[in-house]
Protein backbone atom coordinates (compact mmCIF):
# COMPACT_ATOMS: atom_id res chain seq x y z
CA UNK A 1 -0.28 0.01 0.24
CA UNK A 2 2.55 2.29 0.77
CA UNK A 3 4.27 2.31 -2.72
CA UNK A 4 1.03 2.54 -4.41
CA UNK A 5 0.14 5.68 -2.55
CA UNK A 6 3.36 7.33 -3.49
CA UNK A 7 2.59 6.45 -7.33
CA UNK A 8 -1.06 7.69 -6.66
CA UNK A 9 0.56 10.95 -5.12
CA UNK A 10 2.81 11.50 -7.66
CA UNK A 11 0.53 11.40 -10.44
CA UNK A 12 -2.14 13.64 -8.80
CA UNK A 13 0.35 15.72 -8.76
CA UNK A 14 1.38 14.90 -13.11
CA UNK A 15 -2.20 15.30 -13.31
CA UNK A 16 -2.67 19.00 -11.91
CA UNK A 17 0.07 20.08 -13.52
CA UNK A 18 -1.27 19.01 -16.55
CA UNK A 19 -4.65 21.05 -15.81
CA UNK A 20 -2.39 24.26 -14.79
CA UNK A 21 -1.07 24.03 -18.09
CA UNK A 22 -4.04 23.72 -19.74
CA UNK A 23 -3.44 20.15 -21.22
CA UNK A 24 -6.53 18.56 -19.31
CA UNK A 25 -9.80 19.23 -18.72
CA UNK A 26 -11.42 20.16 -14.95
CA UNK A 27 -12.94 16.90 -15.39
CA UNK A 28 -10.55 14.43 -15.86
CA UNK A 29 -8.31 16.35 -12.56
CA UNK A 30 -11.51 15.70 -10.57
CA UNK A 31 -12.00 11.82 -11.36
CA UNK A 32 -7.90 11.43 -10.34
CA UNK A 33 -8.65 13.52 -7.28
CA UNK A 34 -11.54 11.01 -5.93
CA UNK A 35 -9.36 8.03 -6.08
CA UNK A 36 -8.58 7.48 -2.74
CA UNK A 37 -4.67 6.12 -0.74
CA UNK A 38 -5.09 2.75 -0.19
CA UNK A 39 -5.36 2.29 3.90
CA UNK A 40 -1.85 1.12 5.48
CA UNK A 41 -1.26 -1.33 7.50
CA UNK A 42 1.32 0.02 10.56
CA UNK A 43 0.79 -2.53 12.77
CA UNK A 44 3.94 -2.71 14.53
CA UNK A 45 5.45 -6.41 13.91
CA UNK A 46 8.69 -7.37 15.44
CA UNK A 47 10.05 -11.02 16.95
CA UNK A 48 13.38 -12.35 18.11
CA UNK A 49 15.10 -15.16 16.62
CA UNK A 50 15.26 -18.43 19.17
CA UNK A 51 19.14 -17.53 19.47
CA UNK A 52 18.14 -13.29 20.39
CA UNK A 53 15.67 -15.56 22.63
CA UNK A 54 17.98 -17.15 24.76
CA UNK A 55 20.62 -14.39 24.59
CA UNK A 56 17.69 -11.70 26.21
CA UNK A 57 17.04 -14.51 28.92
CA UNK A 58 20.47 -15.17 29.73
CA UNK A 59 20.68 -11.39 30.15
CA UNK A 60 17.73 -10.91 32.24
CA UNK A 61 18.19 -10.59 36.47
CA UNK A 62 16.96 -13.17 38.11
CA UNK A 63 13.23 -12.04 39.28
CA UNK A 64 12.39 -11.15 35.56
CA UNK A 65 14.16 -14.48 33.74
CA UNK A 66 10.82 -16.96 34.59
CA UNK A 67 8.14 -13.85 33.09
CA UNK A 68 10.47 -13.54 30.19
CA UNK A 69 10.25 -17.45 29.53
CA UNK A 70 6.62 -17.59 30.16
CA UNK A 71 5.92 -14.75 27.79
CA UNK A 72 7.85 -16.61 24.82
CA UNK A 73 6.17 -20.01 25.59
CA UNK A 74 3.04 -18.78 26.20
CA UNK A 75 2.21 -15.67 23.94
CA UNK A 76 0.33 -13.92 27.17
CA UNK A 77 0.21 -10.71 27.48
CA UNK A 78 2.32 -8.66 30.42
CA UNK A 79 -0.93 -8.28 32.53
CA UNK A 80 -1.97 -11.93 32.05
CA UNK A 81 1.44 -13.32 32.70
CA UNK A 82 1.41 -10.41 36.11
CA UNK A 83 -1.94 -11.58 37.43
CA UNK A 84 -1.27 -15.21 37.06
CA UNK A 85 -1.94 -16.72 40.60
CA UNK A 86 -1.03 -20.94 41.30
CA UNK A 87 -4.35 -22.03 42.58
CA UNK A 88 -6.34 -20.18 40.20
CA UNK A 89 -4.70 -20.28 36.81
CA UNK A 90 -2.24 -22.66 37.36
CA UNK A 91 -3.07 -26.63 36.32
CA UNK A 92 0.09 -28.65 36.24
CA UNK A 93 -1.79 -32.14 36.32
CA UNK A 94 -3.53 -31.22 32.81
CA UNK A 95 -0.74 -29.07 31.86
CA UNK A 96 -2.74 -26.07 31.23
CA UNK A 97 -2.95 -22.16 32.23
CA UNK A 98 -6.39 -20.99 32.15
CA UNK A 99 -7.38 -17.63 31.57
CA UNK A 100 -10.84 -16.57 32.56
CA UNK A 101 -10.59 -13.00 32.57
CA UNK A 102 -8.66 -11.73 29.34
CA UNK A 103 -8.36 -8.76 27.59
CA UNK A 104 -11.35 -9.76 25.20
CA UNK A 105 -13.54 -11.05 27.52
CA UNK A 106 -12.82 -14.80 26.21
CA UNK A 107 -12.02 -18.00 28.49
CA UNK A 108 -8.30 -18.83 27.28
CA UNK A 109 -6.49 -22.37 27.99
CA UNK A 110 -2.59 -21.70 27.23
CA UNK A 111 -0.86 -25.05 26.97
CA UNK A 112 2.61 -25.38 29.44
CA UNK A 113 5.18 -26.76 27.02
CA UNK A 114 8.40 -28.11 28.73
CA UNK A 115 9.86 -25.54 29.17
CA UNK A 116 7.25 -23.97 30.86
CA UNK A 117 6.63 -26.24 32.92
CA UNK A 118 10.40 -26.32 34.03
CA UNK A 119 10.32 -23.01 34.69
CA UNK A 120 7.38 -22.95 36.97
CA UNK A 121 8.08 -25.84 38.99
CA UNK A 122 11.50 -24.49 39.82
CA UNK A 123 9.66 -21.27 41.13
CA UNK A 124 9.21 -21.15 45.10
CA UNK A 125 5.61 -20.74 46.12
CA UNK A 126 4.49 -18.54 48.89
CA UNK A 127 2.09 -19.66 51.23
CA UNK A 128 1.27 -15.63 52.21
CA UNK A 129 0.36 -14.70 48.51
CA UNK A 130 -1.63 -16.33 45.70
CA UNK A 131 0.70 -14.73 42.97
CA UNK A 132 2.80 -17.10 40.89
CA UNK A 133 5.53 -13.79 40.23
CA UNK A 134 6.00 -11.98 43.46
CA UNK A 135 8.76 -9.88 44.99
CA UNK A 136 10.68 -10.67 48.30
CA UNK A 137 7.65 -9.53 50.49
CA UNK A 138 5.60 -11.58 48.00
CA UNK A 139 4.14 -8.58 46.82
CA UNK A 140 2.54 -8.82 42.92
CA UNK A 141 5.12 -7.78 40.64
CA UNK A 142 3.58 -4.35 38.67
CA UNK A 143 5.33 -3.90 35.37
CA UNK A 144 9.05 -4.80 34.93
CA UNK A 145 9.55 -2.54 32.32
CA UNK A 146 12.47 -0.93 33.41
CA UNK A 147 14.75 -3.76 34.19
CA UNK A 148 13.04 -5.59 30.85
CA UNK A 149 14.58 -2.53 29.14
CA UNK A 150 18.01 -3.13 31.20
CA UNK A 151 17.77 -6.46 29.80
CA UNK A 152 17.55 -5.98 26.35
CA UNK A 153 20.11 -2.81 26.51
CA UNK A 154 22.72 -5.33 28.06
CA UNK A 155 22.80 -7.80 24.94
CA UNK A 156 22.38 -4.75 22.40
CA UNK A 157 18.47 -5.86 21.69
CA UNK A 158 17.13 -2.50 20.14
CA UNK A 159 13.65 -1.36 19.12
CA UNK A 160 11.93 -4.16 21.18
CA UNK A 161 9.15 -4.27 23.91
CA UNK A 162 7.85 -6.61 26.01
CA UNK A 163 4.63 -7.18 24.30
CA UNK A 164 6.65 -7.94 21.28
CA UNK A 165 7.65 -11.17 23.20
CA UNK A 166 3.98 -12.15 22.08
CA UNK A 167 4.67 -11.55 18.51
CA UNK A 168 7.99 -13.47 19.15
CA UNK A 169 5.59 -16.82 20.44
CA UNK A 170 3.40 -16.29 17.32
CA UNK A 171 6.18 -16.55 14.65
CA UNK A 172 8.21 -19.02 16.06
CA UNK A 173 5.06 -21.45 16.14
CA UNK A 174 3.59 -20.18 12.54
CA UNK A 175 7.50 -20.89 11.63
CA UNK A 176 7.24 -24.54 13.06
CA UNK A 177 4.31 -25.16 10.95
CA UNK A 178 1.57 -24.79 13.28
CA UNK A 179 -2.40 -23.76 12.52
CA UNK A 180 -3.18 -20.28 11.99
CA UNK A 181 -6.61 -21.11 13.67
CA UNK A 182 -4.76 -22.68 16.43
CA UNK A 183 -2.45 -19.60 16.89
CA UNK A 184 -5.40 -17.37 17.07
CA UNK A 185 -7.12 -19.02 19.48
CA UNK A 186 -4.19 -19.70 21.68
CA UNK A 187 -3.78 -15.24 21.38
CA UNK A 188 -6.94 -14.65 22.21
CA UNK A 189 -7.49 -12.68 18.73
CA UNK A 190 -11.02 -11.72 18.22
CA UNK A 191 -10.72 -11.58 14.34
CA UNK A 192 -8.02 -13.39 11.85
CA UNK A 193 -7.20 -10.27 10.45
CA UNK A 194 -5.23 -9.56 13.51
CA UNK A 195 -3.39 -13.25 13.58
CA UNK A 196 -2.60 -12.95 9.69
CA UNK A 197 -0.31 -10.36 10.30
CA UNK A 198 2.11 -13.15 11.54
CA UNK A 199 1.99 -15.12 8.76
CA UNK A 200 3.74 -12.63 6.52
C-alpha cells in the first residue's frame, strides 16, 4: 500500500500540473482526485530469533527471567502473566494455564510446554501470596518494564518491547508449521485479520 500510495500522489501531482498548463480538462482532474489512497497497515511487528531469545533470557535479572520465559512460551500479555495465581490459573496436572478474564473477555487455555513447566516448577511457591510472580515480600510485580529494558540494552536488542515477546511466540509457532487458527485461539484474537499479520 505505501508504494501504491506514493505513486498515486505522484500521479495526482502530474494531473494537477497538466490541468494548470491547460492540457487536461477539469473533469479529468476531478476524477483523479476522487481516487482514494489504500489504507496502510501500520501495525508494528517485531520478534526475536531463537538465538536472540536465549541471549535475552540469559541477560535478565533473576526475578525477570521466569516472566520472560513465560511470555515467550505462552504468548500471554504482560498483565495476564503478572496476574497469574497458582490456585486459580495454573493446572500443572493437565498442563494448562487457564485464563478466565482476558482483554477480550474470553476464556483461554494455554498449554504448558516442557520449558514453561520447568520454569514454573522451579519458582518458590509462597503460602502467604496467591500470585505466581512476586517480589521478596510476596507482592505481585507491577510491570517490570525498567528491568526488561535494561536486559535488552545489555545485549544490544533495540526497538523491542515486552509486548513483542507475544509476537515472538506467534511467529515461532507459525514458522514451525502450527495451524494459524490454533495460533489465533492461543493469542485470544477476536479476528483472523489480527493473526494473519504473523503469517507474512
